[in-house]
Amino acid sequence: MSEEAPLLNDEADHPHDVVWENDGKRIVTMDSARYVDARNRDCDVVVPSSYLGVLPARLMAPHKPRGVIAHDGCIGKDGAGIAGLWYLEALGIPAAAAEGMSAELGNGLDLYETGIISRVNILAERAGVSEGMSVVEAAKILILNDPGDVTAGTKIRRESVAKSDSGREIIVTDSIVFALPEDTKNVLVTAGHTGRSGAKFLLEVSPHGFICSDGGMSKNNAGITGLETTEAHGLAGACCDAWSAPVGDAFKAFYEGSISACNKPARDRGVSVGMSVRDAAFALLQEEN
């Protein structure tokens, strides 16, 4: 069985519109991911108005464009409209998707001219692309900026978002396994689950407070069982509702998430179910009563 898509194998059948060019680098729009080809290798940011699922990503990836911006297909069931973001990330290609109602499917120029970024992979994020940005701006950022290390492997995001008068910080990082020794004095907002193994890592770090994901609760509420374990050791902690912010993304948890569960030490500092993760993190930042 052939590994090549049979239709339109000739580059002459792949319409490209070059909308920006400088020093050998180009931004190229096209109506379909099928039109990405060897001409786009390394130097081009391609803007095809296909949904950014795994199938279109597979069509584009062999040609190794510098970056990809496609349509999010209104996300759709199982997140299928953007699943190619992480496929491309694993292959070292920065990628972003435009919000479905901001641009037409199948119209590359419209996507470029009117699209608004809705999702990014970590390589595009490191280059400087962010949600809410216009596709025009995002494409130029991908052309001009280096995403850094694009090899497969752990990409650690870590940021201090607040500091108390006593020197405690709120640290946002995607997993408790990224904690540092000094985090014993800090509040950690992470995005792994708060289950049995998560509790083990939390006890090793012993932070001043923590917020992790509830993992969708899962069977027997296993996603939050670590709250009991940490409470027994006096650690104040809470869980972010996995339906309010995606598991694995601590930054969305901090800025968009809501609390679904918390233990008694956290409640004693003012944390409650339904509170925003951001407000809960600031509550945990306070000294124990």
C-alpha atoms as a PDB file:
ATOM      1  CA  MET A   1       0.000   0.000   0.000  1.00  0.00           C
ATOM      2  CA  SER A   2       1.352   3.425  -0.967  1.00  0.00           C
ATOM      3  CA  GLU A   3       2.257   5.819   1.845  1.00  0.00           C
ATOM      4  CA  GLU A   4       1.593   8.819  -0.431  1.00  0.00           C
ATOM      5  CA  ALA A   5      -1.756  10.571  -0.714  1.00  0.00           C
ATOM      6  CA  PRO A   6      -2.738   9.804  -4.326  1.00  0.00           C
ATOM      7  CA  LEU A   7      -4.419  13.071  -5.305  1.00  0.00           C
ATOM      8  CA  LEU A   8      -2.473  16.094  -6.554  1.00  0.00           C
ATOM      9  CA  ASN A   9       1.036  14.707  -6.229  1.00  0.00           C
ATOM     10  CA  ASP A  10       2.391  17.226  -8.738  1.00  0.00           C
ATOM     11  CA  GLU A  11       3.566  20.486  -7.153  1.00  0.00           C
ATOM     12  CA  ALA A  12       1.992  22.308 -10.073  1.00  0.00           C
ATOM     13  CA  ASP A  13      -1.390  21.304  -8.641  1.00  0.00           C
ATOM     14  CA  HIS A  14      -0.575  22.877  -5.257  1.00  0.00           C
ATOM     15  CA  PRO A  15      -1.640  26.552  -5.338  1.00  0.00           C
ATOM     16  CA  HIS A  16       0.526  28.724  -3.071  1.00  0.00           C
ATOM     17  CA  ASP A  17       0.063  32.417  -2.243  1.00  0.00           C
ATOM     18  CA  VAL A  18       3.214  34.058  -0.881  1.00  0.00           C
ATOM     19  CA  VAL A  19       1.973  36.857   1.383  1.00  0.00           C
ATOM     20  CA  TRP A  20       5.301  37.820   2.961  1.00  0.00           C
ATOM     21  CA  GLU A  21       8.913  37.246   1.946  1.00  0.00           C
ATOM     22  CA  ASN A  22      12.265  38.428   3.235  1.00  0.00           C
ATOM     23  CA  ASP A  23      15.792  37.030   3.096  1.00  0.00           C
ATOM     24  CA  GLY A  24      14.625  33.665   1.800  1.00  0.00           C
ATOM     25  CA  LYS A  25      11.921  33.232   4.447  1.00  0.00           C
ATOM     26  CA  ARG A  26       8.266  33.240   3.417  1.00  0.00           C
ATOM     27  CA  ILE A  27       4.744  33.119   4.753  1.00  0.00           C
ATOM     28  CA  VAL A  28       2.702  31.034   2.342  1.00  0.00           C
ATOM     29  CA  THR A  29      -1.066  30.579   2.425  1.00  0.00           C
ATOM     30  CA  MET A  30      -2.931  27.730   0.779  1.00  0.00           C
ATOM     31  CA  ASP A  31      -6.414  26.277   0.907  1.00  0.00           C
ATOM     32  CA  SER A  32      -5.443  22.750   1.971  1.00  0.00           C
ATOM     33  CA  ALA A  33      -2.774  20.987   4.011  1.00  0.00           C
ATOM     34  CA  ARG A  34      -2.398  18.716   0.972  1.00  0.00           C
ATOM     35  CA  TYR A  35      -0.751  21.622  -0.847  1.00  0.00           C
ATOM     36  CA  VAL A  36       2.200  21.790   1.546  1.00  0.00           C
ATOM     37  CA  ASP A  37       5.190  20.363  -0.324  1.00  0.00           C
ATOM     38  CA  ALA A  38       8.975  20.349  -0.670  1.00  0.00           C
ATOM     39  CA  ARG A  39       9.023  24.035  -1.616  1.00  0.00           C
ATOM     40  CA  ASN A  40       8.042  24.863   1.973  1.00  0.00           C
ATOM     41  CA  ARG A  41      10.859  23.006   3.680  1.00  0.00           C
ATOM     42  CA  ASP A  42      12.702  24.745   6.535  1.00  0.00           C
ATOM     43  CA  CYS A  43      12.157  28.402   5.593  1.00  0.00           C
ATOM     44  CA  ASP A  44       8.374  28.745   5.147  1.00  0.00           C
ATOM     45  CA  VAL A  45       5.608  29.299   7.648  1.00  0.00           C
ATOM     46  CA  VAL A  46       2.616  27.680   5.963  1.00  0.00           C
ATOM     47  CA  VAL A  47      -0.963  28.815   6.547  1.00  0.00           C
ATOM     48  CA  PRO A  48      -3.266  26.109   5.159  1.00  0.00           C
ATOM     49  CA  SER A  49      -6.973  26.399   5.898  1.00  0.00           C
ATOM     50  CA  SER A  50      -7.428  22.749   6.762  1.00  0.00           C
ATOM     51  CA  TYR A  51      -8.419  21.691  10.281  1.00  0.00           C
ATOM     52  CA  LEU A  52      -5.302  20.957  12.330  1.00  0.00           C
ATOM     53  CA  GLY A  53      -6.057  17.326  13.082  1.00  0.00           C
ATOM     54  CA  VAL A  54      -3.647  14.421  12.999  1.00  0.00           C
ATOM     55  CA  LEU A  55      -4.418  13.581   9.358  1.00  0.00           C
ATOM     56  CA  PRO A  56      -3.535  17.043   7.968  1.00  0.00           C
ATOM     57  CA  ALA A  57      -0.498  17.105  10.267  1.00  0.00           C
ATOM     58  CA  ARG A  58       0.646  13.828   8.721  1.00  0.00           C
ATOM     59  CA  LEU A  59       0.334  15.353   5.263  1.00  0.00           C
ATOM     60  CA  MET A  60       2.438  18.392   6.216  1.00  0.00           C
ATOM     61  CA  ALA A  61       5.066  16.909   8.526  1.00  0.00           C
ATOM     62  CA  PRO A  62       7.254  15.151   5.903  1.00  0.00           C
ATOM     63  CA  HIS A  63       7.907  18.527   4.258  1.00  0.00           C
ATOM     64  CA  LYS A  64       9.277  20.081   7.485  1.00  0.00           C
ATOM     65  CA  PRO A  65       7.947  23.641   7.214  1.00  0.00           C
ATOM     66  CA  ARG A  66       9.371  26.214   9.617  1.00  0.00           C
ATOM     67  CA  GLY A  67       5.947  26.589  11.206  1.00  0.00           C
ATOM     68  CA  VAL A  68       2.267  25.835  10.663  1.00  0.00           C
ATOM     69  CA  ILE A  69      -0.886  27.831  11.314  1.00  0.00           C
ATOM     70  CA  ALA A  70      -4.130  26.097  10.362  1.00  0.00           C
ATOM     71  CA  HIS A  71      -7.836  26.130  11.307  1.00  0.00           C
ATOM     72  CA  ASP A  72      -9.074  24.644  14.590  1.00  0.00           C
ATOM     73  CA  GLY A  73     -12.193  23.126  12.999  1.00  0.00           C
ATOM     74  CA  CYS A  74     -14.156  24.533  15.944  1.00  0.00           C
ATOM     75  CA  ILE A  75     -12.234  21.942  18.010  1.00  0.00           C
ATOM     76  CA  GLY A  76     -14.951  19.293  17.628  1.00  0.00           C
ATOM     77  CA  LYS A  77     -15.501  15.980  19.375  1.00  0.00           C
ATOM     78  CA  ASP A  78     -12.449  14.570  21.141  1.00  0.00           C
ATOM     79  CA  GLY A  79     -10.530  17.744  20.256  1.00  0.00           C
ATOM     80  CA  ALA A  80      -9.973  16.284  16.804  1.00  0.00           C
ATOM     81  CA  GLY A  81      -9.721  19.691  15.138  1.00  0.00           C
ATOM     82  CA  ILE A  82      -6.484  20.530  16.949  1.00  0.00           C
ATOM     83  CA  ALA A  83      -4.948  17.128  17.701  1.00  0.00           C
ATOM     84  CA  GLY A  84      -2.262  17.761  15.090  1.00  0.00           C
ATOM     85  CA  LEU A  85      -0.747  20.492  17.253  1.00  0.00           C
ATOM     86  CA  TRP A  86       0.936  17.916  19.469  1.00  0.00           C
ATOM     87  CA  TYR A  87       1.737  15.557  16.605  1.00  0.00           C
ATOM     88  CA  LEU A  88       3.724  18.395  15.023  1.00  0.00           C
ATOM     89  CA  GLU A  89       5.233  19.386  18.382  1.00  0.00           C
ATOM     90  CA  ALA A  90       6.629  15.878  18.796  1.00  0.00           C
ATOM     91  CA  LEU A  91       8.249  16.229  15.377  1.00  0.00           C
ATOM     92  CA  GLY A  92       9.807  19.603  16.203  1.00  0.00           C
ATOM     93  CA  ILE A  93       7.439  21.830  14.217  1.00  0.00           C
ATOM     94  CA  PRO A  94       5.922  24.940  15.863  1.00  0.00           C
ATOM     95  CA  ALA A  95       2.185  25.058  15.171  1.00  0.00           C
ATOM     96  CA  ALA A  96      -0.916  27.045  16.028  1.00  0.00           C
ATOM     97  CA  ALA A  97      -4.610  26.915  15.167  1.00  0.00           C
ATOM     98  CA  ALA A  98      -7.042  29.728  14.400  1.00  0.00           C
ATOM     99  CA  GLU A  99     -10.436  29.963  16.085  1.00  0.00           C
ATOM    100  CA  GLY A 100     -13.097  28.306  13.958  1.00  0.00           C
ATOM    101  CA  MET A 101     -15.478  31.240  13.690  1.00  0.00           C
ATOM    102  CA  SER A 102     -12.714  33.745  12.907  1.00  0.00           C
ATOM    103  CA  ALA A 103     -11.774  32.245   9.540  1.00  0.00           C
ATOM    104  CA  GLU A 104     -13.178  30.148   6.722  1.00  0.00           C
ATOM    105  CA  LEU A 105     -12.233  26.526   6.251  1.00  0.00           C
ATOM    106  CA  GLY A 106     -10.682  25.950   2.848  1.00  0.00           C
ATOM    107  CA  ASN A 107      -9.687  29.589   2.305  1.00  0.00           C
ATOM    108  CA  GLY A 108      -6.044  30.162   3.194  1.00  0.00           C
ATOM    109  CA  LEU A 109      -6.036  33.891   2.499  1.00  0.00           C
ATOM    110  CA  ASP A 110      -9.071  34.420   4.709  1.00  0.00           C
ATOM    111  CA  LEU A 111      -7.413  32.428   7.483  1.00  0.00           C
ATOM    112  CA  TYR A 112      -4.315  34.601   7.198  1.00  0.00           C
ATOM    113  CA  GLU A 113      -6.158  37.919   6.997  1.00  0.00           C
ATOM    114  CA  THR A 114      -8.922  37.439   9.584  1.00  0.00           C
ATOM    115  CA  GLY A 115      -7.974  34.456  11.742  1.00  0.00           C
ATOM    116  CA  ILE A 116      -7.394  34.707  15.496  1.00  0.00           C
ATOM    117  CA  ILE A 117      -5.181  32.187  17.279  1.00  0.00           C
ATOM    118  CA  SER A 118      -7.079  29.842  19.595  1.00  0.00           C
ATOM    119  CA  ARG A 119      -4.483  27.164  20.427  1.00  0.00           C
ATOM    120  CA  VAL A 120      -0.700  26.763  20.242  1.00  0.00           C
ATOM    121  CA  ASN A 121       1.806  24.003  20.816  1.00  0.00           C
ATOM    122  CA  ILE A 122       4.712  24.616  23.160  1.00  0.00           C
ATOM    123  CA  LEU A 123       7.178  25.296  20.330  1.00  0.00           C
ATOM    124  CA  ALA A 124       4.978  28.061  18.914  1.00  0.00           C
ATOM    125  CA  GLU A 125       4.496  29.387  22.439  1.00  0.00           C
ATOM    126  CA  ARG A 126       8.256  29.514  22.983  1.00  0.00           C
ATOM    127  CA  ALA A 127       8.657  31.436  19.750  1.00  0.00           C
ATOM    128  CA  GLY A 128       6.216  34.034  21.120  1.00  0.00           C
ATOM    129  CA  VAL A 129       2.810  33.068  19.712  1.00  0.00           C
ATOM    130  CA  SER A 130      -0.126  33.353  22.103  1.00  0.00           C
ATOM    131  CA  GLU A 131      -3.860  32.787  22.069  1.00  0.00           C
ATOM    132  CA  GLY A 132      -5.886  35.812  20.979  1.00  0.00           C
ATOM    133  CA  MET A 133      -3.194  37.002  18.580  1.00  0.00           C
ATOM    134  CA  SER A 134      -3.999  37.593  14.916  1.00  0.00           C
ATOM    135  CA  VAL A 135      -2.759  34.999  12.441  1.00  0.00           C
ATOM    136  CA  VAL A 136      -0.861  37.767  10.625  1.00  0.00           C
ATOM    137  CA  GLU A 137       1.089  38.608  13.772  1.00  0.00           C
ATOM    138  CA  ALA A 138       1.580  34.961  14.750  1.00  0.00           C
ATOM    139  CA  ALA A 139       2.917  34.025  11.313  1.00  0.00           C
ATOM    140  CA  LYS A 140       5.500  36.821  11.425  1.00  0.00           C
ATOM    141  CA  ILE A 141       6.560  35.752  14.907  1.00  0.00           C
ATOM    142  CA  LEU A 142       7.104  32.177  13.694  1.00  0.00           C
ATOM    143  CA  ILE A 143       9.145  33.494  10.762  1.00  0.00           C
ATOM    144  CA  LEU A 144      11.345  35.786  12.819  1.00  0.00           C
ATOM    145  CA  ASN A 145      11.777  33.957  16.142  1.00  0.00           C
ATOM    146  CA  ASP A 146      13.595  30.807  17.175  1.00  0.00           C
ATOM    147  CA  PRO A 147      11.474  28.312  19.196  1.00  0.00           C
ATOM    148  CA  GLY A 148      14.583  26.950  20.904  1.00  0.00           C
ATOM    149  CA  ASP A 149      15.151  23.232  21.395  1.00  0.00           C
ATOM    150  CA  VAL A 150      12.806  21.337  19.072  1.00  0.00           C
ATOM    151  CA  THR A 151      14.006  17.841  19.870  1.00  0.00           C
ATOM    152  CA  ALA A 152      11.686  15.362  21.547  1.00  0.00           C
ATOM    153  CA  GLY A 153      11.768  15.436  25.324  1.00  0.00           C
ATOM    154  CA  THR A 154      10.549  17.310  28.357  1.00  0.00           C
ATOM    155  CA  LYS A 155       9.822  20.996  27.877  1.00  0.00           C
ATOM    156  CA  ILE A 156       9.600  22.604  31.313  1.00  0.00           C
ATOM    157  CA  ARG A 157       7.491  25.716  31.787  1.00  0.00           C
ATOM    158  CA  ARG A 158       7.932  27.487  35.105  1.00  0.00           C
ATOM    159  CA  GLU A 159       6.994  30.993  36.190  1.00  0.00           C
ATOM    160  CA  SER A 160       6.724  32.889  39.456  1.00  0.00           C
ATOM    161  CA  VAL A 161       3.446  34.833  39.233  1.00  0.00           C
ATOM    162  CA  ALA A 162       3.330  36.435  42.703  1.00  0.00           C
ATOM    163  CA  LYS A 163       5.450  36.958  45.814  1.00  0.00           C
ATOM    164  CA  SER A 164       4.373  37.657  49.381  1.00  0.00           C
ATOM    165  CA  ASP A 165       6.024  40.059  51.801  1.00  0.00           C
ATOM    166  CA  SER A 166       7.586  37.076  53.528  1.00  0.00           C
ATOM    167  CA  GLY A 167       9.198  35.902  50.277  1.00  0.00           C
ATOM    168  CA  ARG A 168       6.852  33.043  49.471  1.00  0.00           C
ATOM    169  CA  GLU A 169       6.004  32.716  45.778  1.00  0.00           C
ATOM    170  CA  ILE A 170       3.228  31.263  43.672  1.00  0.00           C
ATOM    171  CA  ILE A 171       5.024  29.060  41.165  1.00  0.00           C
ATOM    172  CA  VAL A 172       3.162  27.846  38.082  1.00  0.00           C
ATOM    173  CA  THR A 173       4.657  24.757  36.426  1.00  0.00           C
ATOM    174  CA  ASP A 174       2.988  21.924  34.552  1.00  0.00           C
ATOM    175  CA  SER A 175       3.930  19.047  36.871  1.00  0.00           C
ATOM    176  CA  ILE A 176       4.891  18.528  40.485  1.00  0.00           C
ATOM    177  CA  VAL A 177       7.921  16.596  39.204  1.00  0.00           C
ATOM    178  CA  PHE A 178       9.305  19.940  37.973  1.00  0.00           C
ATOM    179  CA  ALA A 179       9.433  21.342  41.522  1.00  0.00           C
ATOM    180  CA  LEU A 180      12.746  22.630  42.896  1.00  0.00           C
ATOM    181  CA  PRO A 181      14.118  22.235  46.443  1.00  0.00           C
ATOM    182  CA  GLU A 182      13.265  25.846  47.289  1.00  0.00           C
ATOM    183  CA  ASP A 183       9.595  25.175  46.545  1.00  0.00           C
ATOM    184  CA  THR A 184       9.124  23.867  50.056  1.00  0.00           C
ATOM    185  CA  LYS A 185       8.351  27.509  50.965  1.00  0.00           C
ATOM    186  CA  ASN A 186       6.184  28.183  47.900  1.00  0.00           C
ATOM    187  CA  VAL A 187       2.666  27.553  46.633  1.00  0.00           C
ATOM    188  CA  LEU A 188       2.767  25.308  43.582  1.00  0.00           C
ATOM    189  CA  VAL A 189       0.104  25.429  40.877  1.00  0.00           C
ATOM    190  CA  THR A 190       0.660  22.340  38.764  1.00  0.00           C
ATOM    191  CA  ALA A 191      -1.491  20.316  36.396  1.00  0.00           C
ATOM    192  CA  GLY A 192      -0.869  16.655  37.030  1.00  0.00           C
ATOM    193  CA  HIS A 193      -3.483  14.619  38.900  1.00  0.00           C
ATOM    194  CA  THR A 194      -3.783  14.525  42.689  1.00  0.00           C
ATOM    195  CA  GLY A 195      -3.951  10.756  42.934  1.00  0.00           C
ATOM    196  CA  ARG A 196      -1.810   8.266  44.832  1.00  0.00           C
ATOM    197  CA  SER A 197       1.394   8.807  42.854  1.00  0.00           C
ATOM    198  CA  GLY A 198       0.847  12.560  42.757  1.00  0.00           C
ATOM    199  CA  ALA A 199       0.637  12.590  46.559  1.00  0.00           C
ATOM    200  CA  LYS A 200       3.988  10.811  46.775  1.00  0.00           C
ATOM    201  CA  PHE A 201       5.670  13.567  44.765  1.00  0.00           C
ATOM    202  CA  LEU A 202       3.889  16.265  46.790  1.00  0.00           C
ATOM    203  CA  LEU A 203       5.164  14.784  50.044  1.00  0.00           C
ATOM    204  CA  GLU A 204       8.705  14.708  48.650  1.00  0.00           C
ATOM    205  CA  VAL A 205       8.530  18.441  47.870  1.00  0.00           C
ATOM    206  CA  SER A 206       6.378  19.417  50.878  1.00  0.00           C
ATOM    207  CA  PRO A 207       5.328  22.813  49.510  1.00  0.00           C
ATOM    208  CA  HIS A 208       3.634  25.528  51.560  1.00  0.00           C
ATOM    209  CA  GLY A 209       0.524  24.838  49.486  1.00  0.00           C
ATOM    210  CA  PHE A 210      -0.424  23.186  46.227  1.00  0.00           C
ATOM    211  CA  ILE A 211      -3.082  23.020  43.541  1.00  0.00           C
ATOM    212  CA  CYS A 212      -3.067  20.117  41.087  1.00  0.00           C
ATOM    213  CA  SER A 213      -5.668  18.764  38.659  1.00  0.00           C
ATOM    214  CA  ASP A 214      -8.456  16.451  39.755  1.00  0.00           C
ATOM    215  CA  GLY A 215      -7.868  14.286  36.673  1.00  0.00           C
ATOM    216  CA  GLY A 216     -11.590  14.332  36.012  1.00  0.00           C
ATOM    217  CA  MET A 217     -11.986  12.644  39.414  1.00  0.00           C
ATOM    218  CA  SER A 218     -11.849   9.196  37.759  1.00  0.00           C
ATOM    219  CA  LYS A 219     -12.859   5.820  39.221  1.00  0.00           C
ATOM    220  CA  ASN A 220     -13.386   5.887  42.988  1.00  0.00           C
ATOM    221  CA  ASN A 221     -12.383   9.582  42.958  1.00  0.00           C
ATOM    222  CA  ALA A 222      -8.809   8.391  42.472  1.00  0.00           C
ATOM    223  CA  GLY A 223      -7.843  11.721  40.914  1.00  0.00           C
ATOM    224  CA  ILE A 224      -8.145  13.483  44.274  1.00  0.00           C
ATOM    225  CA  THR A 225      -7.212  10.801  46.814  1.00  0.00           C
ATOM    226  CA  GLY A 226      -3.933  12.585  47.405  1.00  0.00           C
ATOM    227  CA  LEU A 227      -5.818  15.305  49.257  1.00  0.00           C
ATOM    228  CA  GLU A 228      -6.358  12.911  52.163  1.00  0.00           C
ATOM    229  CA  THR A 229      -2.741  11.769  52.171  1.00  0.00           C
ATOM    230  CA  THR A 230      -1.373  15.293  52.132  1.00  0.00           C
ATOM    231  CA  GLU A 231      -3.879  16.430  54.784  1.00  0.00           C
ATOM    232  CA  ALA A 232      -2.567  13.711  57.088  1.00  0.00           C
ATOM    233  CA  HIS A 233       0.877  15.297  56.741  1.00  0.00           C
ATOM    234  CA  GLY A 234      -0.394  18.835  57.243  1.00  0.00           C
ATOM    235  CA  LEU A 235      -0.023  19.986  53.624  1.00  0.00           C
ATOM    236  CA  ALA A 236      -2.646  22.446  52.363  1.00  0.00           C
ATOM    237  CA  GLY A 237      -3.896  21.508  48.916  1.00  0.00           C
ATOM    238  CA  ALA A 238      -6.693  21.737  46.400  1.00  0.00           C
ATOM    239  CA  CYS A 239      -7.675  20.405  42.989  1.00  0.00           C
ATOM    240  CA  CYS A 240      -8.513  22.161  39.754  1.00  0.00           C
ATOM    241  CA  ASP A 241     -11.589  20.912  37.921  1.00  0.00           C
ATOM    242  CA  ALA A 242     -10.272  19.179  34.787  1.00  0.00           C
ATOM    243  CA  TRP A 243     -13.312  20.454  32.893  1.00  0.00           C
ATOM    244  CA  SER A 244     -12.387  24.063  33.703  1.00  0.00           C
ATOM    245  CA  ALA A 245      -8.767  23.788  32.562  1.00  0.00           C
ATOM    246  CA  PRO A 246      -6.930  21.015  30.698  1.00  0.00           C
ATOM    247  CA  VAL A 247      -4.919  18.517  32.671  1.00  0.00           C
ATOM    248  CA  GLY A 248      -1.220  19.108  32.031  1.00  0.00           C
ATOM    249  CA  ASP A 249      -1.486  22.882  31.489  1.00  0.00           C
ATOM    250  CA  ALA A 250      -0.821  24.676  34.759  1.00  0.00           C
ATOM    251  CA  PHE A 251      -0.993  28.122  33.184  1.00  0.00           C
ATOM    252  CA  LYS A 252      -4.546  27.600  31.975  1.00  0.00           C
ATOM    253  CA  ALA A 253      -5.338  26.143  35.375  1.00  0.00           C
ATOM    254  CA  PHE A 254      -4.052  29.291  37.099  1.00  0.00           C
ATOM    255  CA  TYR A 255      -5.795  31.761  34.807  1.00  0.00           C
ATOM    256  CA  GLU A 256      -8.965  29.856  33.877  1.00  0.00           C
ATOM    257  CA  GLY A 257      -9.481  26.993  36.316  1.00  0.00           C
ATOM    258  CA  SER A 258     -11.840  26.527  39.256  1.00  0.00           C
ATOM    259  CA  ILE A 259     -11.464  24.496  42.429  1.00  0.00           C
ATOM    260  CA  SER A 260     -13.342  21.179  42.605  1.00  0.00           C
ATOM    261  CA  ALA A 261     -12.001  19.827  45.905  1.00  0.00           C
ATOM    262  CA  CYS A 262      -9.702  20.821  48.766  1.00  0.00           C
ATOM    263  CA  ASN A 263      -8.452  19.439  52.061  1.00  0.00           C
ATOM    264  CA  LYS A 264      -8.921  20.861  55.568  1.00  0.00           C
ATOM    265  CA  PRO A 265      -5.589  22.717  55.804  1.00  0.00           C
ATOM    266  CA  ALA A 266      -6.513  24.513  52.576  1.00  0.00           C
ATOM    267  CA  ARG A 267     -10.021  25.270  53.838  1.00  0.00           C
ATOM    268  CA  ASP A 268      -8.465  26.705  56.988  1.00  0.00           C
ATOM    269  CA  ARG A 269      -6.655  29.237  54.780  1.00  0.00           C
ATOM    270  CA  GLY A 270      -9.865  30.220  53.004  1.00  0.00           C
ATOM    271  CA  VAL A 271      -9.947  27.906  49.992  1.00  0.00           C
ATOM    272  CA  SER A 272     -13.375  26.640  48.963  1.00  0.00           C
ATOM    273  CA  VAL A 273     -14.923  24.591  46.169  1.00  0.00           C
ATOM    274  CA  GLY A 274     -15.992  26.790  43.262  1.00  0.00           C
ATOM    275  CA  MET A 275     -13.295  29.400  43.903  1.00  0.00           C
ATOM    276  CA  SER A 276     -11.033  30.318  41.001  1.00  0.00           C
ATOM    277  CA  VAL A 277      -7.640  28.627  41.037  1.00  0.00           C
ATOM    278  CA  ARG A 278      -6.002  32.046  41.012  1.00  0.00           C
ATOM    279  CA  ASP A 279      -7.871  33.173  44.140  1.00  0.00           C
ATOM    280  CA  ALA A 280      -7.190  29.848  45.831  1.00  0.00           C
ATOM    281  CA  ALA A 281      -3.468  30.147  45.132  1.00  0.00           C
ATOM    282  CA  PHE A 282      -3.388  33.568  46.777  1.00  0.00           C
ATOM    283  CA  ALA A 283      -5.319  32.202  49.744  1.00  0.00           C
ATOM    284  CA  LEU A 284      -2.769  29.396  50.108  1.00  0.00           C
ATOM    285  CA  LEU A 285       0.039  31.941  49.965  1.00  0.00           C
ATOM    286  CA  GLN A 286      -0.967  33.258  53.385  1.00  0.00           C
ATOM    287  CA  GLU A 287       0.688  31.989  56.539  1.00  0.00           C
ATOM    288  CA  GLU A 288      -1.076  29.231  58.479  1.00  0.00           C
ATOM    289  CA  ASN A 289      -3.596  30.385  61.072  1.00  0.00           C
END
